[in-house]
N, C-alpha and C. Protein backbone atom coordinates (compact mmCIF):
# COMPACT_ATOMS: atom_id res chain seq x y z
N UNK A 1 0.80 -1.17 0.01
CA UNK A 1 -0.05 -0.02 -0.02
C UNK A 1 0.87 1.30 0.00
N UNK A 2 2.02 1.08 0.48
CA UNK A 2 2.89 2.28 0.58
C UNK A 2 3.29 2.67 -0.84
N UNK A 3 3.44 1.78 -1.72
CA UNK A 3 3.84 2.12 -3.09
C UNK A 3 2.60 2.89 -3.74
N UNK A 4 1.41 2.46 -3.60
CA UNK A 4 0.29 3.12 -4.19
C UNK A 4 0.06 4.59 -3.55
N UNK A 5 0.33 4.68 -2.26
CA UNK A 5 0.19 5.86 -1.58
C UNK A 5 1.25 6.89 -2.11
N UNK A 6 2.52 6.50 -2.26
CA UNK A 6 3.61 7.26 -2.84
C UNK A 6 3.35 7.71 -4.27
N UNK A 7 2.80 6.77 -5.06
CA UNK A 7 2.48 7.08 -6.40
C UNK A 7 1.38 8.06 -6.51
N UNK A 8 0.30 7.85 -5.64
CA UNK A 8 -0.78 8.86 -5.59
C UNK A 8 -0.35 10.20 -5.24
N UNK A 9 0.53 10.32 -4.19
CA UNK A 9 0.93 11.51 -3.51
C UNK A 9 1.82 12.23 -4.63
N UNK A 10 2.62 11.56 -5.30
CA UNK A 10 3.57 12.19 -6.31
C UNK A 10 2.68 12.74 -7.42
N UNK A 11 1.71 11.99 -7.84
CA UNK A 11 0.85 12.36 -8.95
C UNK A 11 -0.02 13.54 -8.57
N UNK A 12 -0.49 13.51 -7.38
CA UNK A 12 -1.32 14.61 -6.87
C UNK A 12 -0.52 15.91 -6.77
N UNK A 13 0.69 15.86 -6.33
CA UNK A 13 1.54 16.99 -6.15
C UNK A 13 1.85 17.50 -7.45
N UNK A 14 2.24 16.71 -8.44
CA UNK A 14 2.55 17.25 -9.81
C UNK A 14 1.34 17.82 -10.51
N UNK A 15 0.25 17.27 -10.30
CA UNK A 15 -1.05 17.78 -10.77
C UNK A 15 -1.36 19.09 -10.26
N UNK A 16 -1.23 19.29 -8.88
CA UNK A 16 -1.50 20.57 -8.29
C UNK A 16 -0.45 21.59 -8.69
N UNK A 17 0.71 21.22 -8.81
CA UNK A 17 1.77 22.18 -9.17
C UNK A 17 1.51 22.58 -10.71
N UNK A 18 1.18 21.72 -11.49
CA UNK A 18 0.98 22.08 -12.91
C UNK A 18 -0.34 22.77 -13.09
N UNK A 19 -1.28 22.62 -12.35
CA UNK A 19 -2.53 23.41 -12.42
C UNK A 19 -2.38 24.71 -11.80
N UNK A 20 -1.57 24.95 -10.82
CA UNK A 20 -1.37 26.29 -10.29
C UNK A 20 -0.63 27.13 -11.31
N UNK A 21 0.28 26.51 -12.04
CA UNK A 21 1.05 27.24 -12.99
C UNK A 21 0.12 27.74 -14.11
N UNK A 22 -0.86 26.97 -14.58
CA UNK A 22 -1.81 27.44 -15.63
C UNK A 22 -2.52 28.68 -15.23
N UNK A 23 -2.87 28.73 -14.07
CA UNK A 23 -3.83 29.87 -13.65
C UNK A 23 -3.05 31.08 -13.12
N UNK A 24 -1.70 31.03 -13.21
CA UNK A 24 -0.95 32.11 -12.62
C UNK A 24 -1.04 33.20 -13.69
N UNK A 25 -1.24 34.48 -13.16
CA UNK A 25 -1.34 35.64 -14.08
C UNK A 25 -0.17 36.57 -13.79
N UNK A 26 0.46 37.03 -14.77
CA UNK A 26 1.59 37.93 -14.54
C UNK A 26 1.04 39.38 -14.17
N UNK A 27 1.70 40.12 -13.42
CA UNK A 27 1.19 41.35 -12.98
C UNK A 27 1.04 42.32 -14.19
N UNK A 28 1.85 42.20 -15.32
CA UNK A 28 1.66 43.18 -16.36
C UNK A 28 0.58 42.80 -17.28
N UNK A 29 -0.16 41.73 -17.13
CA UNK A 29 -1.27 41.35 -17.99
C UNK A 29 -2.34 42.32 -17.83
N UNK A 30 -2.97 42.76 -19.04
CA UNK A 30 -4.03 43.72 -19.01
C UNK A 30 -5.35 42.99 -19.25
N UNK A 31 -6.38 43.56 -18.71
CA UNK A 31 -7.74 42.95 -18.97
C UNK A 31 -8.11 43.50 -20.36
N UNK A 32 -9.23 42.90 -20.84
CA UNK A 32 -9.78 43.31 -22.10
C UNK A 32 -10.32 44.69 -22.11
N UNK A 33 -10.87 45.06 -20.91
CA UNK A 33 -11.41 46.39 -20.72
C UNK A 33 -10.27 47.41 -20.81
N UNK A 34 -9.10 47.07 -20.13
CA UNK A 34 -8.05 48.08 -20.10
C UNK A 34 -7.45 48.20 -21.55
N UNK A 35 -7.38 47.15 -22.18
CA UNK A 35 -6.81 47.12 -23.60
C UNK A 35 -7.72 48.00 -24.44
N UNK A 36 -9.05 47.78 -24.40
CA UNK A 36 -9.96 48.61 -25.26
C UNK A 36 -9.84 49.94 -24.92
N UNK A 37 -9.75 50.35 -23.62
CA UNK A 37 -9.64 51.67 -23.15
C UNK A 37 -8.43 52.29 -23.79
N UNK A 38 -7.19 51.59 -23.77
CA UNK A 38 -6.05 52.06 -24.22
C UNK A 38 -6.10 52.34 -25.77
N UNK A 39 -6.69 51.42 -26.49
CA UNK A 39 -6.85 51.64 -27.98
C UNK A 39 -7.71 52.79 -28.25
N UNK A 40 -8.77 52.89 -27.58
CA UNK A 40 -9.81 53.98 -27.74
C UNK A 40 -9.09 55.33 -27.41
N UNK A 41 -8.21 55.36 -26.39
CA UNK A 41 -7.54 56.56 -26.06
C UNK A 41 -6.49 56.97 -27.26
N UNK A 42 -5.76 55.99 -27.68
CA UNK A 42 -4.94 56.30 -28.84
C UNK A 42 -5.67 56.78 -30.07
N UNK A 43 -6.78 56.10 -30.35
CA UNK A 43 -7.57 56.65 -31.55
C UNK A 43 -8.10 57.94 -31.29
N UNK A 44 -8.53 58.29 -30.11
CA UNK A 44 -9.01 59.60 -29.79
C UNK A 44 -8.03 60.63 -29.94
N UNK A 45 -6.78 60.34 -29.55
CA UNK A 45 -5.71 61.33 -29.62
C UNK A 45 -5.31 61.60 -31.13
N UNK A 46 -5.26 60.43 -31.90
CA UNK A 46 -4.91 60.65 -33.32
C UNK A 46 -5.99 61.46 -34.03
N UNK A 47 -7.22 61.19 -33.75
CA UNK A 47 -8.34 61.96 -34.34
C UNK A 47 -8.28 63.37 -33.93
N UNK A 48 -7.97 63.65 -32.63
CA UNK A 48 -7.86 65.04 -32.13
C UNK A 48 -6.65 65.74 -32.87
N UNK A 49 -5.54 65.14 -32.99
CA UNK A 49 -4.47 65.73 -33.67
C UNK A 49 -4.76 66.02 -35.08
N UNK A 50 -5.52 65.05 -35.79
CA UNK A 50 -5.91 65.39 -37.21
C UNK A 50 -6.91 66.55 -37.28
N UNK A 51 -7.77 66.60 -36.37
CA UNK A 51 -8.71 67.78 -36.45
C UNK A 51 -7.99 69.05 -36.15
N UNK A 52 -7.10 69.04 -35.14
CA UNK A 52 -6.29 70.27 -34.88
C UNK A 52 -5.52 70.74 -36.08
N UNK A 53 -4.96 69.79 -36.77
CA UNK A 53 -4.17 70.08 -37.97
C UNK A 53 -5.08 70.76 -38.98
N UNK A 54 -6.21 70.13 -39.20
CA UNK A 54 -7.26 70.69 -40.17
C UNK A 54 -7.63 72.13 -39.74
N UNK A 55 -7.94 72.33 -38.44
CA UNK A 55 -8.29 73.63 -38.01
C UNK A 55 -7.17 74.71 -38.26
N UNK A 56 -5.93 74.27 -38.03
CA UNK A 56 -4.81 75.24 -38.22
C UNK A 56 -4.72 75.54 -39.77
N UNK A 57 -4.84 74.57 -40.63
CA UNK A 57 -4.77 74.80 -41.97
C UNK A 57 -5.96 75.77 -42.42
N UNK A 58 -7.16 75.45 -41.91
CA UNK A 58 -8.28 76.46 -42.17
C UNK A 58 -7.94 77.89 -41.73
N UNK A 59 -7.39 77.99 -40.47
CA UNK A 59 -7.07 79.33 -40.05
C UNK A 59 -5.96 80.02 -40.88
N UNK A 60 -5.00 79.22 -41.34
CA UNK A 60 -4.02 79.78 -42.24
C UNK A 60 -4.66 80.31 -43.59
N UNK A 61 -5.49 79.49 -44.06
CA UNK A 61 -6.21 79.84 -45.36
C UNK A 61 -7.05 81.06 -45.19
N UNK A 62 -7.70 81.11 -44.04
CA UNK A 62 -8.56 82.39 -43.78
C UNK A 62 -7.67 83.53 -43.69
N UNK A 63 -6.50 83.50 -43.01
CA UNK A 63 -5.53 84.62 -42.95
C UNK A 63 -4.99 85.03 -44.33
N UNK A 64 -4.71 84.03 -45.14
CA UNK A 64 -4.12 84.30 -46.42
C UNK A 64 -5.36 84.93 -47.28
N UNK A 65 -6.57 84.50 -47.15
CA UNK A 65 -7.68 85.09 -47.88
C UNK A 65 -7.88 86.56 -47.44
N UNK A 66 -7.74 86.80 -46.09
CA UNK A 66 -8.01 88.20 -45.64
C UNK A 66 -6.85 89.01 -46.23
N UNK A 67 -5.68 88.60 -46.20
CA UNK A 67 -4.52 89.30 -46.78
C UNK A 67 -4.70 89.63 -48.26
N UNK A 68 -5.13 88.61 -49.00
CA UNK A 68 -5.47 88.89 -50.37
C UNK A 68 -6.47 89.86 -50.62
N UNK A 69 -7.58 89.71 -49.87
CA UNK A 69 -8.71 90.74 -49.88
C UNK A 69 -8.16 92.10 -49.61
N UNK A 70 -7.33 92.28 -48.60
CA UNK A 70 -6.84 93.49 -48.19
C UNK A 70 -5.97 94.16 -49.41
N UNK A 71 -5.14 93.34 -50.02
CA UNK A 71 -4.32 93.79 -51.15
C UNK A 71 -5.15 94.13 -52.26
N UNK A 72 -6.23 93.32 -52.56
CA UNK A 72 -7.12 93.59 -53.70
C UNK A 72 -7.87 94.90 -53.45
N UNK A 73 -8.27 95.19 -52.14
CA UNK A 73 -8.91 96.46 -51.89
C UNK A 73 -8.05 97.65 -52.14
N UNK A 74 -6.80 97.51 -51.69
CA UNK A 74 -5.76 98.54 -51.93
C UNK A 74 -5.65 98.91 -53.35
N UNK A 75 -5.45 97.75 -54.18
CA UNK A 75 -5.27 97.87 -55.67
C UNK A 75 -6.54 98.58 -56.20
N UNK A 76 -7.71 98.24 -55.81
CA UNK A 76 -8.90 98.89 -56.31
C UNK A 76 -8.99 100.30 -55.98
N UNK A 77 -8.59 100.64 -54.74
CA UNK A 77 -8.65 102.00 -54.29
C UNK A 77 -7.66 102.80 -55.17
N UNK A 78 -6.50 102.26 -55.32
CA UNK A 78 -5.48 103.01 -56.19
C UNK A 78 -5.97 103.08 -57.63
N UNK A 79 -6.54 102.12 -58.21
CA UNK A 79 -7.03 102.15 -59.57
C UNK A 79 -8.11 103.23 -59.61
N UNK A 80 -9.00 103.23 -58.71
CA UNK A 80 -10.05 104.15 -58.61
C UNK A 80 -9.53 105.64 -58.53
N UNK A 81 -8.54 105.81 -57.74
CA UNK A 81 -7.89 107.16 -57.58
C UNK A 81 -7.24 107.59 -58.93
N UNK A 82 -6.56 106.66 -59.51
CA UNK A 82 -6.02 106.97 -60.78
C UNK A 82 -6.98 107.31 -61.86
N UNK A 83 -8.07 106.49 -61.83
CA UNK A 83 -9.17 106.79 -62.83
C UNK A 83 -9.79 108.14 -62.54
N UNK A 84 -9.93 108.46 -61.26
CA UNK A 84 -10.56 109.76 -60.96
C UNK A 84 -9.65 110.98 -61.41
N UNK A 85 -8.35 110.75 -61.13
CA UNK A 85 -7.36 111.78 -61.62
C UNK A 85 -7.46 111.96 -63.16
N UNK A 86 -7.50 110.83 -63.88
CA UNK A 86 -7.50 110.95 -65.31
C UNK A 86 -8.83 111.53 -65.83
N UNK A 87 -9.93 111.30 -65.12
CA UNK A 87 -11.17 111.87 -65.51
C UNK A 87 -11.14 113.36 -65.27
N UNK A 88 -10.42 113.75 -64.20
CA UNK A 88 -10.32 115.23 -63.95
C UNK A 88 -9.44 115.92 -65.00
N UNK A 89 -8.35 115.24 -65.41
CA UNK A 89 -7.47 115.72 -66.40
C UNK A 89 -8.20 115.94 -67.71
N UNK A 90 -9.03 114.91 -68.04
CA UNK A 90 -9.75 115.02 -69.31
C UNK A 90 -10.81 116.06 -69.27
N UNK A 91 -11.53 116.23 -68.15
CA UNK A 91 -12.50 117.30 -67.98
C UNK A 91 -11.75 118.62 -68.09
N UNK A 92 -10.59 118.72 -67.38
CA UNK A 92 -9.91 120.09 -67.55
C UNK A 92 -9.50 120.32 -68.94
N UNK A 93 -8.98 119.34 -69.70
CA UNK A 93 -8.55 119.47 -71.07
C UNK A 93 -9.75 119.84 -71.94
N UNK A 94 -10.90 119.32 -71.70
CA UNK A 94 -12.12 119.58 -72.50
C UNK A 94 -12.60 121.01 -72.18
N UNK A 95 -12.56 121.54 -70.97
CA UNK A 95 -12.97 122.86 -70.65
C UNK A 95 -11.89 123.89 -71.38
N UNK A 96 -10.63 123.50 -71.24
CA UNK A 96 -9.76 124.41 -71.88
C UNK A 96 -9.83 124.38 -73.42
N UNK A 97 -10.12 123.23 -73.98
CA UNK A 97 -10.33 123.24 -75.39
C UNK A 97 -11.55 123.92 -75.74
N UNK A 98 -12.61 124.00 -74.99
CA UNK A 98 -13.84 124.72 -75.35
C UNK A 98 -13.62 126.15 -75.18
N UNK A 99 -12.84 126.61 -74.21
CA UNK A 99 -12.38 128.06 -74.04
C UNK A 99 -11.64 128.51 -75.28
N UNK A 100 -10.62 127.72 -75.65
CA UNK A 100 -9.78 128.02 -76.86
C UNK A 100 -10.73 128.14 -78.07
N UNK A 101 -11.63 127.17 -78.25
CA UNK A 101 -12.53 127.23 -79.45
C UNK A 101 -13.40 128.54 -79.40
N UNK A 102 -13.94 128.86 -78.20
CA UNK A 102 -14.71 130.00 -78.10
C UNK A 102 -13.95 131.25 -78.32
N UNK A 103 -12.71 131.30 -77.89
CA UNK A 103 -11.96 132.47 -78.01
C UNK A 103 -11.62 132.58 -79.56
N UNK A 104 -11.24 131.48 -80.23
CA UNK A 104 -10.94 131.48 -81.67
C UNK A 104 -12.22 131.92 -82.48
N UNK A 105 -13.33 131.48 -82.16
CA UNK A 105 -14.53 131.88 -82.82
C UNK A 105 -14.83 133.38 -82.70
N UNK A 106 -14.73 133.92 -81.50
CA UNK A 106 -14.83 135.36 -81.23
C UNK A 106 -13.86 136.12 -82.01
N UNK A 107 -12.56 135.59 -82.13
CA UNK A 107 -11.51 136.35 -82.87
C UNK A 107 -11.86 136.41 -84.38
N UNK A 108 -12.39 135.28 -84.84
CA UNK A 108 -12.77 135.17 -86.30
C UNK A 108 -14.06 136.07 -86.60
N UNK A 109 -14.89 136.16 -85.59
CA UNK A 109 -16.10 136.97 -85.80
C UNK A 109 -15.75 138.45 -85.83
N UNK A 110 -14.77 138.91 -85.17
CA UNK A 110 -14.29 140.34 -85.16
C UNK A 110 -13.68 140.73 -86.47
N UNK A 111 -13.10 139.88 -87.16
CA UNK A 111 -12.41 140.27 -88.38
C UNK A 111 -13.30 140.67 -89.45
């Protein structure tokens, strides 16, 4: 009987030892919930960075558009001023031509 008891004890010990090893969890192992939370956090950060980049590009485009509009307004104002000056010069030339013509007509009428 002692041989059976020894064999049973040895088998039981090895079974208990091997079964305890199977259920041993390392302290660094993560649960599924923790892993999902980690992945969700990474995705959230990547999406946030992408949106921030898009917002920055939009702001830069807005600034560039504002600058272009400002330059265009200045050019339009300058062109308008030049056109006004040319119109004034033309009007002055026309008045002077009309005076000269009137003066020439009066001179011819006296002869």
